[in-house]
C-alpha atoms as a PDB file:
ATOM      1  CA  UNK A   1     207.996  -0.515 111.083  1.00  0.00           C
ATOM      2  CA  UNK A   2     210.782   1.354 111.911  1.00  0.00           C
ATOM      3  CA  UNK A   3     210.440   4.130 115.276  1.00  0.00           C
ATOM      4  CA  UNK A   4     211.752   7.341 114.947  1.00  0.00           C
ATOM      5  CA  UNK A   5     212.436   8.498 118.075  1.00  0.00           C
ATOM      6  CA  UNK A   6     214.468   7.047 121.154  1.00  0.00           C
ATOM      7  CA  UNK A   7     214.425   6.995 125.010  1.00  0.00           C
ATOM      8  CA  UNK A   8     217.193   4.423 125.127  1.00  0.00           C
ATOM      9  CA  UNK A   9     214.598   2.374 124.285  1.00  0.00           C
ATOM     10  CA  UNK A  10     213.223   3.008 121.159  1.00  0.00           C
ATOM     11  CA  UNK A  11     209.726   4.619 120.957  1.00  0.00           C
ATOM     12  CA  UNK A  12     206.922   4.192 118.880  1.00  0.00           C
ATOM     13  CA  UNK A  13     206.096   7.151 116.019  1.00  0.00           C
ATOM     14  CA  UNK A  14     202.499   5.957 114.490  1.00  0.00           C
ATOM     15  CA  UNK A  15     199.518   8.110 114.359  1.00  0.00           C
ATOM     16  CA  UNK A  16     195.956   6.990 114.146  1.00  0.00           C
ATOM     17  CA  UNK A  17     193.725   8.692 112.159  1.00  0.00           C
ATOM     18  CA  UNK A  18     194.538   9.636 108.543  1.00  0.00           C
ATOM     19  CA  UNK A  19     195.244  12.929 107.189  1.00  0.00           C
ATOM     20  CA  UNK A  20     195.766  14.606 103.576  1.00  0.00           C
ATOM     21  CA  UNK A  21     199.236  16.188 103.578  1.00  0.00           C
ATOM     22  CA  UNK A  22     199.111  19.691 101.631  1.00  0.00           C
ATOM     23  CA  UNK A  23     201.667  20.254  98.467  1.00  0.00           C
ATOM     24  CA  UNK A  24     204.143  22.201 100.818  1.00  0.00           C
ATOM     25  CA  UNK A  25     204.718  19.171 102.658  1.00  0.00           C
ATOM     26  CA  UNK A  26     204.662  16.265  99.869  1.00  0.00           C
ATOM     27  CA  UNK A  27     207.407  18.655  98.079  1.00  0.00           C
ATOM     28  CA  UNK A  28     209.397  19.011 100.932  1.00  0.00           C
ATOM     29  CA  UNK A  29     209.120  15.090 101.984  1.00  0.00           C
ATOM     30  CA  UNK A  30     210.044  14.391  98.470  1.00  0.00           C
ATOM     31  CA  UNK A  31     213.128  16.846  98.454  1.00  0.00           C
ATOM     32  CA  UNK A  32     214.266  15.236 102.001  1.00  0.00           C
ATOM     33  CA  UNK A  33     214.034  11.469 100.541  1.00  0.00           C
ATOM     34  CA  UNK A  34     216.202  12.614  97.121  1.00  0.00           C
ATOM     35  CA  UNK A  35     218.703  14.388  99.126  1.00  0.00           C
ATOM     36  CA  UNK A  36     219.097  11.172 101.460  1.00  0.00           C
ATOM     37  CA  UNK A  37     219.329   8.678  98.720  1.00  0.00           C
ATOM     38  CA  UNK A  38     221.815  10.426  96.755  1.00  0.00           C
ATOM     39  CA  UNK A  39     224.618  10.558  99.538  1.00  0.00           C
ATOM     40  CA  UNK A  40     227.017   7.983  99.452  1.00  0.00           C
ATOM     41  CA  UNK A  41     228.765   8.514 102.161  1.00  0.00           C
ATOM     42  CA  UNK A  42     228.159  10.772 105.464  1.00  0.00           C
ATOM     43  CA  UNK A  43     229.619  11.393 108.866  1.00  0.00           C
ATOM     44  CA  UNK A  44     227.177  12.843 111.614  1.00  0.00           C
ATOM     45  CA  UNK A  45     227.262  13.831 114.918  1.00  0.00           C
ATOM     46  CA  UNK A  46     224.400  14.379 116.799  1.00  0.00           C
ATOM     47  CA  UNK A  47     223.850  15.871 120.761  1.00  0.00           C
ATOM     48  CA  UNK A  48     220.875  14.830 122.298  1.00  0.00           C
ATOM     49  CA  UNK A  49     219.009  15.166 125.526  1.00  0.00           C
ATOM     50  CA  UNK A  50     216.698  12.508 126.296  1.00  0.00           C
ATOM     51  CA  UNK A  51     213.883  13.395 129.155  1.00  0.00           C
ATOM     52  CA  UNK A  52     214.240  10.103 131.367  1.00  0.00           C
ATOM     53  CA  UNK A  53     211.806   8.596 134.027  1.00  0.00           C
ATOM     54  CA  UNK A  54     212.436  10.570 136.930  1.00  0.00           C
ATOM     55  CA  UNK A  55     212.234  13.829 134.717  1.00  0.00           C
ATOM     56  CA  UNK A  56     215.896  14.336 134.432  1.00  0.00           C
ATOM     57  CA  UNK A  57     217.709  15.132 130.938  1.00  0.00           C
ATOM     58  CA  UNK A  58     220.350  12.797 129.760  1.00  0.00           C
ATOM     59  CA  UNK A  59     222.843  13.868 127.327  1.00  0.00           C
ATOM     60  CA  UNK A  60     223.832  11.441 124.514  1.00  0.00           C
ATOM     61  CA  UNK A  61     226.223  12.294 121.941  1.00  0.00           C
ATOM     62  CA  UNK A  62     226.383   9.884 119.044  1.00  0.00           C
ATOM     63  CA  UNK A  63     228.695   9.710 116.054  1.00  0.00           C
ATOM     64  CA  UNK A  64     227.751   8.237 112.638  1.00  0.00           C
ATOM     65  CA  UNK A  65     229.398   6.778 109.784  1.00  0.00           C
ATOM     66  CA  UNK A  66     227.472   6.184 106.528  1.00  0.00           C
ATOM     67  CA  UNK A  67     228.154   4.445 103.304  1.00  0.00           C
ATOM     68  CA  UNK A  68     225.463   3.948 100.828  1.00  0.00           C
ATOM     69  CA  UNK A  69     223.732   1.728 100.606  1.00  0.00           C
ATOM     70  CA  UNK A  70     223.563   0.137 103.967  1.00  0.00           C
ATOM     71  CA  UNK A  71     226.843   0.207 105.779  1.00  0.00           C
ATOM     72  CA  UNK A  72     226.831   2.132 109.066  1.00  0.00           C
ATOM     73  CA  UNK A  73     229.226   2.441 111.862  1.00  0.00           C
ATOM     74  CA  UNK A  74     227.209   4.301 115.064  1.00  0.00           C
ATOM     75  CA  UNK A  75     229.274   5.164 118.037  1.00  0.00           C
ATOM     76  CA  UNK A  76     226.845   6.543 121.236  1.00  0.00           C
ATOM     77  CA  UNK A  77     228.292   7.929 124.797  1.00  0.00           C
ATOM     78  CA  UNK A  78     226.141   9.467 127.860  1.00  0.00           C
ATOM     79  CA  UNK A  79     226.361   9.179 131.421  1.00  0.00           C
ATOM     80  CA  UNK A  80     223.754   6.731 131.904  1.00  0.00           C
ATOM     81  CA  UNK A  81     226.863   4.318 130.095  1.00  0.00           C
ATOM     82  CA  UNK A  82     229.159   4.653 132.392  1.00  0.00           C
ATOM     83  CA  UNK A  83     233.115   6.953 132.579  1.00  0.00           C
ATOM     84  CA  UNK A  84     234.641   6.175 128.954  1.00  0.00           C
ATOM     85  CA  UNK A  85     232.087   3.416 127.668  1.00  0.00           C
ATOM     86  CA  UNK A  86     230.160   3.567 124.798  1.00  0.00           C
ATOM     87  CA  UNK A  87     227.458   1.162 122.597  1.00  0.00           C
ATOM     88  CA  UNK A  88     228.834   0.627 119.266  1.00  0.00           C
ATOM     89  CA  UNK A  89     226.385  -0.974 116.547  1.00  0.00           C
ATOM     90  CA  UNK A  90     228.160  -1.669 113.099  1.00  0.00           C
ATOM     91  CA  UNK A  91     226.159  -2.915 109.965  1.00  0.00           C
ATOM     92  CA  UNK A  92     227.848  -4.371 106.312  1.00  0.00           C
ATOM     93  CA  UNK A  93     224.464  -4.690 105.374  1.00  0.00           C
ATOM     94  CA  UNK A  94     223.727  -8.402 105.643  1.00  0.00           C
ATOM     95  CA  UNK A  95     225.277  -8.773 109.138  1.00  0.00           C
ATOM     96  CA  UNK A  96     225.106  -6.414 112.697  1.00  0.00           C
ATOM     97  CA  UNK A  97     227.303  -6.365 115.280  1.00  0.00           C
ATOM     98  CA  UNK A  98     226.343  -4.263 118.710  1.00  0.00           C
ATOM     99  CA  UNK A  99     228.762  -3.702 121.603  1.00  0.00           C
ATOM    100  CA  UNK A 100     226.706  -2.766 124.897  1.00  0.00           C
ATOM    101  CA  UNK A 101     228.786  -0.461 127.543  1.00  0.00           C
ATOM    102  CA  UNK A 102     229.663  -3.370 129.345  1.00  0.00           C
ATOM    103  CA  UNK A 103     232.075  -4.619 126.737  1.00  0.00           C
ATOM    104  CA  UNK A 104     229.644  -7.486 125.613  1.00  0.00           C
ATOM    105  CA  UNK A 105     229.255  -8.080 121.719  1.00  0.00           C
ATOM    106  CA  UNK A 106     226.089  -9.652 119.810  1.00  0.00           C
ATOM    107  CA  UNK A 107     225.956 -10.182 116.378  1.00  0.00           C
ATOM    108  CA  UNK A 108     222.795 -11.171 114.030  1.00  0.00           C
ATOM    109  CA  UNK A 109     221.242 -10.979 110.541  1.00  0.00           C
ATOM    110  CA  UNK A 110     220.561  -7.130 109.957  1.00  0.00           C
ATOM    111  CA  UNK A 111     217.073  -6.323 110.146  1.00  0.00           C
ATOM    112  CA  UNK A 112     215.694  -2.537 109.753  1.00  0.00           C
ATOM    113  CA  UNK A 113     213.439  -2.479 112.467  1.00  0.00           C
ATOM    114  CA  UNK A 114     215.951  -3.768 114.829  1.00  0.00           C
ATOM    115  CA  UNK A 115     218.358  -1.519 115.782  1.00  0.00           C
ATOM    116  CA  UNK A 116     219.798  -1.681 119.346  1.00  0.00           C
ATOM    117  CA  UNK A 117     221.791   1.777 119.106  1.00  0.00           C
ATOM    118  CA  UNK A 118     220.020   5.230 120.170  1.00  0.00           C
ATOM    119  CA  UNK A 119     219.092   7.194 116.735  1.00  0.00           C
ATOM    120  CA  UNK A 120     216.868   9.434 115.368  1.00  0.00           C
ATOM    121  CA  UNK A 121     215.428  10.948 111.826  1.00  0.00           C
ATOM    122  CA  UNK A 122     218.565  12.781 111.145  1.00  0.00           C
ATOM    123  CA  UNK A 123     221.039   9.747 111.184  1.00  0.00           C
ATOM    124  CA  UNK A 124     217.839   6.867 110.450  1.00  0.00           C
ATOM    125  CA  UNK A 125     217.216   8.574 106.775  1.00  0.00           C
ATOM    126  CA  UNK A 126     220.477   7.765 105.735  1.00  0.00           C
ATOM    127  CA  UNK A 127     219.375   4.573 104.707  1.00  0.00           C
ATOM    128  CA  UNK A 128     215.937   4.164 105.430  1.00  0.00           C
ATOM    129  CA  UNK A 129     214.196   7.413 103.958  1.00  0.00           C
ATOM    130  CA  UNK A 130     212.045   5.662 101.937  1.00  0.00           C
ATOM    131  CA  UNK A 131     209.920   4.436 104.601  1.00  0.00           C
ATOM    132  CA  UNK A 132     210.757   7.298 107.458  1.00  0.00           C
ATOM    133  CA  UNK A 133     209.999  10.321 104.891  1.00  0.00           C
ATOM    134  CA  UNK A 134     206.685   9.228 103.153  1.00  0.00           C
ATOM    135  CA  UNK A 135     203.138   9.564 103.363  1.00  0.00           C
ATOM    136  CA  UNK A 136     201.907   6.429 101.328  1.00  0.00           C
ATOM    137  CA  UNK A 137     200.826   3.879 102.805  1.00  0.00           C
ATOM    138  CA  UNK A 138     202.836   1.615 104.679  1.00  0.00           C
ATOM    139  CA  UNK A 139     205.030   4.602 105.544  1.00  0.00           C
ATOM    140  CA  UNK A 140     205.575   5.724 109.227  1.00  0.00           C
ATOM    141  CA  UNK A 141     204.482   9.591 108.124  1.00  0.00           C
ATOM    142  CA  UNK A 142     201.204   8.143 106.604  1.00  0.00           C
ATOM    143  CA  UNK A 143     198.784   8.398 109.456  1.00  0.00           C
ATOM    144  CA  UNK A 144     200.546  11.784 110.843  1.00  0.00           C
ATOM    145  CA  UNK A 145     199.292  15.157 110.579  1.00  0.00           C
ATOM    146  CA  UNK A 146     201.773  17.489 109.064  1.00  0.00           C
ATOM    147  CA  UNK A 147     202.561  20.844 108.553  1.00  0.00           C
ATOM    148  CA  UNK A 148     205.438  22.835 106.935  1.00  0.00           C
ATOM    149  CA  UNK A 149     206.099  26.571 108.211  1.00  0.00           C
ATOM    150  CA  UNK A 150     208.506  28.161 105.767  1.00  0.00           C
ATOM    151  CA  UNK A 151     210.639  30.255 108.185  1.00  0.00           C
ATOM    152  CA  UNK A 152     211.838  30.130 111.483  1.00  0.00           C
ATOM    153  CA  UNK A 153     214.637  31.652 113.828  1.00  0.00           C
ATOM    154  CA  UNK A 154     216.319  30.121 115.999  1.00  0.00           C
ATOM    155  CA  UNK A 155     219.805  30.427 117.421  1.00  0.00           C
ATOM    156  CA  UNK A 156     220.057  33.762 114.606  1.00  0.00           C
ATOM    157  CA  UNK A 157     219.642  30.959 111.870  1.00  0.00           C
ATOM    158  CA  UNK A 158     216.365  30.852 109.705  1.00  0.00           C
ATOM    159  CA  UNK A 159     215.049  26.812 109.347  1.00  0.00           C
ATOM    160  CA  UNK A 160     212.201  25.300 107.867  1.00  0.00           C
ATOM    161  CA  UNK A 161     210.012  23.612 110.358  1.00  0.00           C
ATOM    162  CA  UNK A 162     208.079  20.018 109.601  1.00  0.00           C
ATOM    163  CA  UNK A 163     205.479  19.884 112.151  1.00  0.00           C
ATOM    164  CA  UNK A 164     204.003  16.296 113.013  1.00  0.00           C
ATOM    165  CA  UNK A 165     201.091  15.144 115.154  1.00  0.00           C
ATOM    166  CA  UNK A 166     201.340  11.758 116.095  1.00  0.00           C
ATOM    167  CA  UNK A 167     198.331  11.078 118.185  1.00  0.00           C
ATOM    168  CA  UNK A 168     198.924   7.338 118.825  1.00  0.00           C
ATOM    169  CA  UNK A 169     202.502   7.829 120.257  1.00  0.00           C
ATOM    170  CA  UNK A 170     200.872  11.006 121.849  1.00  0.00           C
ATOM    171  CA  UNK A 171     203.787  13.203 120.654  1.00  0.00           C
ATOM    172  CA  UNK A 172     204.306  16.113 119.185  1.00  0.00           C
ATOM    173  CA  UNK A 173     207.391  16.431 116.669  1.00  0.00           C
ATOM    174  CA  UNK A 174     208.895  19.815 115.046  1.00  0.00           C
ATOM    175  CA  UNK A 175     211.958  18.850 112.711  1.00  0.00           C
ATOM    176  CA  UNK A 176     214.054  21.811 111.952  1.00  0.00           C
ATOM    177  CA  UNK A 177     215.239  21.910 107.899  1.00  0.00           C
ATOM    178  CA  UNK A 178     217.896  23.424 106.825  1.00  0.00           C
ATOM    179  CA  UNK A 179     216.455  25.963 103.781  1.00  0.00           C
ATOM    180  CA  UNK A 180     219.988  25.700 102.019  1.00  0.00           C
ATOM    181  CA  UNK A 181     220.732  21.924 102.338  1.00  0.00           C
ATOM    182  CA  UNK A 182     217.453  20.641 102.853  1.00  0.00           C
ATOM    183  CA  UNK A 183     218.860  18.391 105.688  1.00  0.00           C
ATOM    184  CA  UNK A 184     217.262  17.493 108.779  1.00  0.00           C
ATOM    185  CA  UNK A 185     219.374  19.690 111.402  1.00  0.00           C
ATOM    186  CA  UNK A 186     217.250  19.248 114.748  1.00  0.00           C
ATOM    187  CA  UNK A 187     214.387  17.663 115.777  1.00  0.00           C
ATOM    188  CA  UNK A 188     212.473  18.530 119.185  1.00  0.00           C
ATOM    189  CA  UNK A 189     209.874  15.819 120.431  1.00  0.00           C
ATOM    190  CA  UNK A 190     206.826  17.404 123.038  1.00  0.00           C
ATOM    191  CA  UNK A 191     204.383  15.307 124.901  1.00  0.00           C
ATOM    192  CA  UNK A 192     201.184  15.787 122.695  1.00  0.00           C
ATOM    193  CA  UNK A 193     199.348  15.943 126.512  1.00  0.00           C
ATOM    194  CA  UNK A 194     201.338  18.984 127.010  1.00  0.00           C
ATOM    195  CA  UNK A 195     203.104  20.266 124.625  1.00  0.00           C
ATOM    196  CA  UNK A 196     205.790  22.696 127.085  1.00  0.00           C
ATOM    197  CA  UNK A 197     207.055  19.324 128.146  1.00  0.00           C
ATOM    198  CA  UNK A 198     210.013  18.193 126.001  1.00  0.00           C
ATOM    199  CA  UNK A 199     210.841  14.618 125.615  1.00  0.00           C
ATOM    200  CA  UNK A 200     213.673  14.687 123.493  1.00  0.00           C
ATOM    201  CA  UNK A 201     216.145  17.051 121.648  1.00  0.00           C
ATOM    202  CA  UNK A 202     218.487  16.174 118.901  1.00  0.00           C
ATOM    203  CA  UNK A 203     220.370  18.671 116.966  1.00  0.00           C
ATOM    204  CA  UNK A 204     223.573  18.168 114.311  1.00  0.00           C
ATOM    205  CA  UNK A 205     225.913  19.693 115.430  1.00  0.00           C
ATOM    206  CA  UNK A 206     228.580  18.549 112.278  1.00  0.00           C
ATOM    207  CA  UNK A 207     227.601  16.873 109.124  1.00  0.00           C
ATOM    208  CA  UNK A 208     230.087  16.031 106.316  1.00  0.00           C
ATOM    209  CA  UNK A 209     228.017  14.939 103.280  1.00  0.00           C
ATOM    210  CA  UNK A 210     230.285  12.327 100.902  1.00  0.00           C
ATOM    211  CA  UNK A 211     233.387  12.132 103.131  1.00  0.00           C
ATOM    212  CA  UNK A 212     236.165   9.670 102.344  1.00  0.00           C
ATOM    213  CA  UNK A 213     235.534   6.884 104.539  1.00  0.00           C
ATOM    214  CA  UNK A 214     237.426   3.389 105.477  1.00  0.00           C
ATOM    215  CA  UNK A 215     235.387   0.364 104.526  1.00  0.00           C
ATOM    216  CA  UNK A 216     237.070  -1.424 107.702  1.00  0.00           C
ATOM    217  CA  UNK A 217     234.976   0.435 109.575  1.00  0.00           C
ATOM    218  CA  UNK A 218     232.037  -1.444 109.089  1.00  0.00           C
ATOM    219  CA  UNK A 219     233.183  -4.652 109.178  1.00  0.00           C
ATOM    220  CA  UNK A 220     231.348  -7.300 111.552  1.00  0.00           C
ATOM    221  CA  UNK A 221     233.669  -9.082 113.406  1.00  0.00           C
END
């Protein structure tokens, strides 16, 4: 099952113990699934901070170009990759190629659960919305405890906030949802044992829905 949180190596995002989600939560998850499913193409830019092993916040920026149903190109940059270096992963629907910051490239048969590039729910849902945004058996939110807040203001803008408690991975997650577009705009991951400690913070800085994209971007060579 695909994880939804990153720390340069991807963290698990499952919980133990089943909880019944209320009608508002289920309605919101269905709306999110429908909206991500309807996208034919997308271009998303995400600014992230990930808590390093020594407690420092490590910045990371990612640009994802997507074409339905399973073509994408992700370019991620950050100080740990070195000046001017990047991590690039391309998928043509069947094969994927990963170019690491040291310039080496690896090709392999594409598997949803083996994505090398750093990502989070804002981008993962483009092609994996069915598993990520569901409480059905076998889906990633099946064992989570969920709550939906109808309104919360962040940086002078109102959002709906979906809260997820994932006990097995010891995280508490808040998904900020744009009330107009019904897409995820921000994801904040906290330490469940100390919810004042932010482990990751991912913000969508730009999202283009159904832009024209060059098919050559998804060519695996």
